[in-house]
Amino acid sequence: MRKPNDITLKQAIEKLLNHYKLRGKFDETGIVAIWPEIMGTAVANRTKQIYVHQRKLFVRIESSVVKNELLIVKSAIVDKLNEKTGSQVITDIVFL
Protein backbone atom coordinates (compact mmCIF):
# COMPACT_ATOMS: atom_id res chain seq x y z
CA MET A 1 0.00 0.00 0.00
CA ARG A 2 1.35 3.41 -1.00
CA LYS A 3 1.84 6.09 1.56
CA PRO A 4 1.04 9.72 0.73
CA ASN A 5 4.69 10.80 0.55
CA ASP A 6 5.91 7.85 -1.56
CA ILE A 7 7.34 8.70 -4.97
CA THR A 8 8.11 6.54 -7.95
CA LEU A 9 11.63 5.48 -8.86
CA LYS A 10 11.56 7.78 -11.90
CA GLN A 11 10.65 10.76 -9.74
CA ALA A 12 13.40 9.88 -7.26
CA ILE A 13 16.03 9.72 -10.02
CA GLU A 14 14.81 13.03 -11.46
CA LYS A 15 15.10 14.65 -8.01
CA LEU A 16 18.58 13.18 -7.55
CA LEU A 17 19.81 14.45 -10.92
CA ASN A 18 18.41 17.91 -10.29
CA HIS A 19 19.64 18.15 -6.70
CA TYR A 20 23.24 17.23 -7.54
CA LYS A 21 23.15 19.22 -10.79
CA LEU A 22 23.86 16.16 -12.91
CA ARG A 23 21.00 16.65 -15.39
CA GLY A 24 23.22 18.24 -18.08
CA LYS A 25 25.87 15.52 -18.03
CA PHE A 26 23.19 12.82 -17.95
CA ASP A 27 21.51 14.29 -21.04
CA GLU A 28 24.87 14.64 -22.83
CA THR A 29 25.63 10.99 -22.16
CA GLY A 30 22.22 10.13 -23.56
CA ILE A 31 23.01 11.97 -26.80
CA VAL A 32 26.21 9.96 -27.24
CA ALA A 33 24.35 6.73 -26.47
CA ILE A 34 21.55 7.29 -29.01
CA TRP A 35 23.85 8.41 -31.86
CA PRO A 36 23.92 4.92 -33.50
CA GLU A 37 20.15 4.57 -33.12
CA ILE A 38 19.40 7.93 -34.76
CA MET A 39 22.05 7.81 -37.49
CA GLY A 40 21.93 4.11 -38.33
CA THR A 41 24.65 1.49 -38.54
CA ALA A 42 26.34 2.85 -41.69
CA VAL A 43 27.18 6.19 -40.06
CA ALA A 44 27.75 4.67 -36.60
CA ASN A 45 30.35 2.28 -38.00
CA ARG A 46 32.26 5.20 -39.53
CA THR A 47 32.10 7.27 -36.35
CA LYS A 48 35.44 7.10 -34.56
CA GLN A 49 34.88 9.54 -31.69
CA ILE A 50 31.87 11.39 -30.31
CA TYR A 51 31.60 13.71 -27.33
CA VAL A 52 29.73 16.80 -26.09
CA HIS A 53 31.49 19.96 -24.91
CA GLN A 54 29.70 23.22 -24.08
CA ARG A 55 26.45 22.16 -25.78
CA LYS A 56 28.24 21.25 -29.02
CA LEU A 57 28.41 17.70 -30.29
CA PHE A 58 31.82 16.81 -31.71
CA VAL A 59 31.86 13.84 -34.08
CA ARG A 60 34.93 12.40 -35.77
CA ILE A 61 33.94 10.64 -39.00
CA GLU A 62 36.50 8.59 -40.94
CA SER A 63 34.80 8.98 -44.32
CA SER A 64 34.89 12.39 -45.98
CA VAL A 65 31.91 11.49 -48.16
CA VAL A 66 29.76 10.67 -45.15
CA LYS A 67 31.02 13.79 -43.37
CA ASN A 68 29.94 16.01 -46.29
CA GLU A 69 26.52 14.39 -46.44
CA LEU A 70 26.06 14.92 -42.70
CA LEU A 71 27.07 18.57 -43.01
CA ILE A 72 24.18 19.11 -45.40
CA VAL A 73 21.60 17.83 -42.89
CA LYS A 74 23.30 19.11 -39.73
CA SER A 75 20.35 21.13 -38.42
CA ALA A 76 17.96 18.22 -38.92
CA ILE A 77 20.30 15.96 -36.93
CA VAL A 78 20.43 18.48 -34.08
CA ASP A 79 16.63 18.68 -34.03
CA LYS A 80 16.27 14.89 -34.07
CA LEU A 81 18.75 14.37 -31.23
CA ASN A 82 17.15 17.05 -29.07
CA GLU A 83 13.69 15.69 -29.80
CA LYS A 84 14.75 12.19 -28.78
CA THR A 85 16.18 13.39 -25.46
CA GLY A 86 13.22 15.66 -24.77
CA SER A 87 15.22 18.82 -24.07
CA GLN A 88 17.59 21.28 -25.75
CA VAL A 89 20.85 19.43 -25.01
CA ILE A 90 22.96 20.46 -28.01
CA THR A 91 22.95 23.55 -30.19
CA ASP A 92 25.46 22.62 -32.88
CA ILE A 93 27.42 19.71 -34.36
CA VAL A 94 31.07 19.92 -35.32
CA PHE A 95 32.33 17.22 -37.67
CA LEU A 96 36.03 16.52 -37.23
C-alpha atoms as a PDB file:
ATOM      1  CA  MET A   1       0.000   0.000   0.000  1.00  0.00           C
ATOM      2  CA  ARG A   2       1.355   3.413  -0.999  1.00  0.00           C
ATOM      3  CA  LYS A   3       1.836   6.091   1.564  1.00  0.00           C
ATOM      4  CA  PRO A   4       1.040   9.723   0.730  1.00  0.00           C
ATOM      5  CA  ASN A   5       4.692  10.795   0.554  1.00  0.00           C
ATOM      6  CA  ASP A   6       5.911   7.850  -1.561  1.00  0.00           C
ATOM      7  CA  ILE A   7       7.344   8.698  -4.973  1.00  0.00           C
ATOM      8  CA  THR A   8       8.110   6.542  -7.952  1.00  0.00           C
ATOM      9  CA  LEU A   9      11.634   5.483  -8.864  1.00  0.00           C
ATOM     10  CA  LYS A  10      11.563   7.777 -11.904  1.00  0.00           C
ATOM     11  CA  GLN A  11      10.652  10.764  -9.743  1.00  0.00           C
ATOM     12  CA  ALA A  12      13.398   9.876  -7.259  1.00  0.00           C
ATOM     13  CA  ILE A  13      16.030   9.716 -10.018  1.00  0.00           C
ATOM     14  CA  GLU A  14      14.813  13.030 -11.455  1.00  0.00           C
ATOM     15  CA  LYS A  15      15.102  14.651  -8.015  1.00  0.00           C
ATOM     16  CA  LEU A  16      18.578  13.178  -7.547  1.00  0.00           C
ATOM     17  CA  LEU A  17      19.807  14.450 -10.920  1.00  0.00           C
ATOM     18  CA  ASN A  18      18.411  17.908 -10.293  1.00  0.00           C
ATOM     19  CA  HIS A  19      19.638  18.153  -6.702  1.00  0.00           C
ATOM     20  CA  TYR A  20      23.238  17.227  -7.538  1.00  0.00           C
ATOM     21  CA  LYS A  21      23.151  19.221 -10.795  1.00  0.00           C
ATOM     22  CA  LEU A  22      23.860  16.156 -12.910  1.00  0.00           C
ATOM     23  CA  ARG A  23      21.004  16.652 -15.386  1.00  0.00           C
ATOM     24  CA  GLY A  24      23.219  18.237 -18.075  1.00  0.00           C
ATOM     25  CA  LYS A  25      25.867  15.517 -18.028  1.00  0.00           C
ATOM     26  CA  PHE A  26      23.190  12.823 -17.949  1.00  0.00           C
ATOM     27  CA  ASP A  27      21.514  14.289 -21.043  1.00  0.00           C
ATOM     28  CA  GLU A  28      24.873  14.645 -22.831  1.00  0.00           C
ATOM     29  CA  THR A  29      25.633  10.993 -22.163  1.00  0.00           C
ATOM     30  CA  GLY A  30      22.217  10.130 -23.559  1.00  0.00           C
ATOM     31  CA  ILE A  31      23.013  11.969 -26.797  1.00  0.00           C
ATOM     32  CA  VAL A  32      26.208   9.963 -27.238  1.00  0.00           C
ATOM     33  CA  ALA A  33      24.353   6.728 -26.470  1.00  0.00           C
ATOM     34  CA  ILE A  34      21.549   7.285 -29.007  1.00  0.00           C
ATOM     35  CA  TRP A  35      23.847   8.409 -31.861  1.00  0.00           C
ATOM     36  CA  PRO A  36      23.917   4.917 -33.502  1.00  0.00           C
ATOM     37  CA  GLU A  37      20.147   4.569 -33.116  1.00  0.00           C
ATOM     38  CA  ILE A  38      19.401   7.931 -34.760  1.00  0.00           C
ATOM     39  CA  MET A  39      22.051   7.809 -37.489  1.00  0.00           C
ATOM     40  CA  GLY A  40      21.932   4.112 -38.334  1.00  0.00           C
ATOM     41  CA  THR A  41      24.652   1.492 -38.544  1.00  0.00           C
ATOM     42  CA  ALA A  42      26.341   2.854 -41.688  1.00  0.00           C
ATOM     43  CA  VAL A  43      27.181   6.190 -40.055  1.00  0.00           C
ATOM     44  CA  ALA A  44      27.747   4.675 -36.602  1.00  0.00           C
ATOM     45  CA  ASN A  45      30.354   2.281 -38.003  1.00  0.00           C
ATOM     46  CA  ARG A  46      32.255   5.203 -39.533  1.00  0.00           C
ATOM     47  CA  THR A  47      32.103   7.272 -36.347  1.00  0.00           C
ATOM     48  CA  LYS A  48      35.438   7.105 -34.564  1.00  0.00           C
ATOM     49  CA  GLN A  49      34.877   9.540 -31.693  1.00  0.00           C
ATOM     50  CA  ILE A  50      31.872  11.388 -30.306  1.00  0.00           C
ATOM     51  CA  TYR A  51      31.597  13.712 -27.326  1.00  0.00           C
ATOM     52  CA  VAL A  52      29.734  16.797 -26.092  1.00  0.00           C
ATOM     53  CA  HIS A  53      31.487  19.960 -24.912  1.00  0.00           C
ATOM     54  CA  GLN A  54      29.698  23.215 -24.084  1.00  0.00           C
ATOM     55  CA  ARG A  55      26.450  22.162 -25.775  1.00  0.00           C
ATOM     56  CA  LYS A  56      28.239  21.251 -29.020  1.00  0.00           C
ATOM     57  CA  LEU A  57      28.405  17.696 -30.289  1.00  0.00           C
ATOM     58  CA  PHE A  58      31.820  16.812 -31.706  1.00  0.00           C
ATOM     59  CA  VAL A  59      31.856  13.842 -34.080  1.00  0.00           C
ATOM     60  CA  ARG A  60      34.932  12.398 -35.770  1.00  0.00           C
ATOM     61  CA  ILE A  61      33.943  10.638 -38.996  1.00  0.00           C
ATOM     62  CA  GLU A  62      36.501   8.593 -40.941  1.00  0.00           C
ATOM     63  CA  SER A  63      34.795   8.980 -44.320  1.00  0.00           C
ATOM     64  CA  SER A  64      34.893  12.392 -45.980  1.00  0.00           C
ATOM     65  CA  VAL A  65      31.912  11.491 -48.165  1.00  0.00           C
ATOM     66  CA  VAL A  66      29.759  10.669 -45.151  1.00  0.00           C
ATOM     67  CA  LYS A  67      31.017  13.792 -43.374  1.00  0.00           C
ATOM     68  CA  ASN A  68      29.944  16.009 -46.292  1.00  0.00           C
ATOM     69  CA  GLU A  69      26.519  14.392 -46.435  1.00  0.00           C
ATOM     70  CA  LEU A  70      26.055  14.921 -42.705  1.00  0.00           C
ATOM     71  CA  LEU A  71      27.075  18.572 -43.009  1.00  0.00           C
ATOM     72  CA  ILE A  72      24.182  19.107 -45.399  1.00  0.00           C
ATOM     73  CA  VAL A  73      21.602  17.832 -42.890  1.00  0.00           C
ATOM     74  CA  LYS A  74      23.302  19.110 -39.727  1.00  0.00           C
ATOM     75  CA  SER A  75      20.348  21.135 -38.422  1.00  0.00           C
ATOM     76  CA  ALA A  76      17.958  18.218 -38.923  1.00  0.00           C
ATOM     77  CA  ILE A  77      20.298  15.957 -36.930  1.00  0.00           C
ATOM     78  CA  VAL A  78      20.427  18.482 -34.078  1.00  0.00           C
ATOM     79  CA  ASP A  79      16.633  18.676 -34.031  1.00  0.00           C
ATOM     80  CA  LYS A  80      16.274  14.891 -34.073  1.00  0.00           C
ATOM     81  CA  LEU A  81      18.749  14.366 -31.233  1.00  0.00           C
ATOM     82  CA  ASN A  82      17.145  17.052 -29.070  1.00  0.00           C
ATOM     83  CA  GLU A  83      13.685  15.686 -29.801  1.00  0.00           C
ATOM     84  CA  LYS A  84      14.749  12.189 -28.781  1.00  0.00           C
ATOM     85  CA  THR A  85      16.181  13.392 -25.455  1.00  0.00           C
ATOM     86  CA  GLY A  86      13.219  15.656 -24.773  1.00  0.00           C
ATOM     87  CA  SER A  87      15.222  18.816 -24.072  1.00  0.00           C
ATOM     88  CA  GLN A  88      17.590  21.276 -25.751  1.00  0.00           C
ATOM     89  CA  VAL A  89      20.848  19.435 -25.013  1.00  0.00           C
ATOM     90  CA  ILE A  90      22.961  20.457 -28.011  1.00  0.00           C
ATOM     91  CA  THR A  91      22.949  23.548 -30.193  1.00  0.00           C
ATOM     92  CA  ASP A  92      25.465  22.618 -32.881  1.00  0.00           C
ATOM     93  CA  ILE A  93      27.417  19.712 -34.357  1.00  0.00           C
ATOM     94  CA  VAL A  94      31.073  19.920 -35.323  1.00  0.00           C
ATOM     95  CA  PHE A  95      32.334  17.217 -37.666  1.00  0.00           C
ATOM     96  CA  LEU A  96      36.031  16.517 -37.230  1.00  0.00           C
END
